[in-house]
């Protein structure tokens, strides 16, 4: 039987960490003029995937 392939889009978006999976915040790429500085500042950096989405991310990454 052949190996399972990972979803290439998911491999670019999620990274495995010791405690879960991290991802970049959405709503940060364009139309930034109407967003407040506080909102843009809080969208910086990476966040962990919620518990409800962990199983689907694992399936996409083949973990």
C-alpha atoms as a PDB file:
ATOM      1  CA  UNK A   1       0.000   0.000   0.000  1.00  0.00           C
ATOM      2  CA  UNK A   2       1.260   3.472  -0.845  1.00  0.00           C
ATOM      3  CA  UNK A   3       2.080   6.134   1.724  1.00  0.00           C
ATOM      4  CA  UNK A   4      -0.423   8.858   2.575  1.00  0.00           C
ATOM      5  CA  UNK A   5       0.428  12.206   1.033  1.00  0.00           C
ATOM      6  CA  UNK A   6       0.216  15.362   3.135  1.00  0.00           C
ATOM      7  CA  UNK A   7      -1.950  18.201   1.881  1.00  0.00           C
ATOM      8  CA  UNK A   8       0.607  20.679   0.540  1.00  0.00           C
ATOM      9  CA  UNK A   9      -1.551  23.682   1.468  1.00  0.00           C
ATOM     10  CA  UNK A  10      -1.817  22.482   5.071  1.00  0.00           C
ATOM     11  CA  UNK A  11       1.935  21.831   5.236  1.00  0.00           C
ATOM     12  CA  UNK A  12       2.543  25.491   4.379  1.00  0.00           C
ATOM     13  CA  UNK A  13       0.059  26.796   6.946  1.00  0.00           C
ATOM     14  CA  UNK A  14       0.508  24.617  10.061  1.00  0.00           C
ATOM     15  CA  UNK A  15       3.615  23.635  12.018  1.00  0.00           C
ATOM     16  CA  UNK A  16       3.769  20.947  14.716  1.00  0.00           C
ATOM     17  CA  UNK A  17       4.952  22.077  18.145  1.00  0.00           C
ATOM     18  CA  UNK A  18       5.369  20.221  21.445  1.00  0.00           C
ATOM     19  CA  UNK A  19       1.941  21.355  22.676  1.00  0.00           C
ATOM     20  CA  UNK A  20      -0.042  21.308  19.420  1.00  0.00           C
ATOM     21  CA  UNK A  21      -0.077  23.032  16.025  1.00  0.00           C
ATOM     22  CA  UNK A  22       0.668  26.698  15.397  1.00  0.00           C
ATOM     23  CA  UNK A  23      -0.706  28.896  12.603  1.00  0.00           C
ATOM     24  CA  UNK A  24      -0.556  32.497  11.456  1.00  0.00           C
ATOM     25  CA  UNK A  25      -3.527  34.757  12.172  1.00  0.00           C
ATOM     26  CA  UNK A  26      -5.967  35.467   9.383  1.00  0.00           C
ATOM     27  CA  UNK A  27      -7.179  38.932   8.265  1.00  0.00           C
ATOM     28  CA  UNK A  28      -3.630  40.343   8.133  1.00  0.00           C
ATOM     29  CA  UNK A  29      -2.773  40.404   4.437  1.00  0.00           C
ATOM     30  CA  UNK A  30      -4.759  43.252   2.841  1.00  0.00           C
ATOM     31  CA  UNK A  31      -7.297  46.074   3.478  1.00  0.00           C
ATOM     32  CA  UNK A  32      -5.350  47.130   6.557  1.00  0.00           C
ATOM     33  CA  UNK A  33      -6.258  50.827   6.414  1.00  0.00           C
ATOM     34  CA  UNK A  34      -9.695  50.336   7.962  1.00  0.00           C
ATOM     35  CA  UNK A  35      -8.401  48.115  10.783  1.00  0.00           C
ATOM     36  CA  UNK A  36      -7.389  49.761  14.032  1.00  0.00           C
ATOM     37  CA  UNK A  37      -3.763  49.623  15.189  1.00  0.00           C
ATOM     38  CA  UNK A  38      -4.817  47.609  18.240  1.00  0.00           C
ATOM     39  CA  UNK A  39      -6.521  45.005  16.064  1.00  0.00           C
ATOM     40  CA  UNK A  40      -3.525  44.718  13.725  1.00  0.00           C
ATOM     41  CA  UNK A  41      -1.135  44.449  16.669  1.00  0.00           C
ATOM     42  CA  UNK A  42      -3.144  41.628  18.246  1.00  0.00           C
ATOM     43  CA  UNK A  43      -3.222  39.724  14.936  1.00  0.00           C
ATOM     44  CA  UNK A  44       0.599  39.605  14.787  1.00  0.00           C
ATOM     45  CA  UNK A  45       2.516  36.441  15.518  1.00  0.00           C
ATOM     46  CA  UNK A  46       1.305  32.857  15.672  1.00  0.00           C
ATOM     47  CA  UNK A  47      -1.416  31.135  17.660  1.00  0.00           C
ATOM     48  CA  UNK A  48      -2.256  27.537  18.512  1.00  0.00           C
ATOM     49  CA  UNK A  49      -4.994  25.615  16.700  1.00  0.00           C
ATOM     50  CA  UNK A  50      -8.169  25.148  18.753  1.00  0.00           C
ATOM     51  CA  UNK A  51      -8.944  21.703  20.225  1.00  0.00           C
ATOM     52  CA  UNK A  52     -11.888  21.246  17.834  1.00  0.00           C
ATOM     53  CA  UNK A  53      -9.653  21.554  14.747  1.00  0.00           C
ATOM     54  CA  UNK A  54      -6.689  19.442  15.893  1.00  0.00           C
ATOM     55  CA  UNK A  55      -8.032  16.153  14.499  1.00  0.00           C
ATOM     56  CA  UNK A  56      -8.661  17.585  11.021  1.00  0.00           C
ATOM     57  CA  UNK A  57      -5.222  19.248  10.934  1.00  0.00           C
ATOM     58  CA  UNK A  58      -3.592  15.957  11.959  1.00  0.00           C
ATOM     59  CA  UNK A  59      -5.420  14.175   9.148  1.00  0.00           C
ATOM     60  CA  UNK A  60      -4.309  16.775   6.591  1.00  0.00           C
ATOM     61  CA  UNK A  61      -0.680  16.581   7.712  1.00  0.00           C
ATOM     62  CA  UNK A  62      -0.648  12.791   8.015  1.00  0.00           C
ATOM     63  CA  UNK A  63       0.505  12.876  11.645  1.00  0.00           C
END
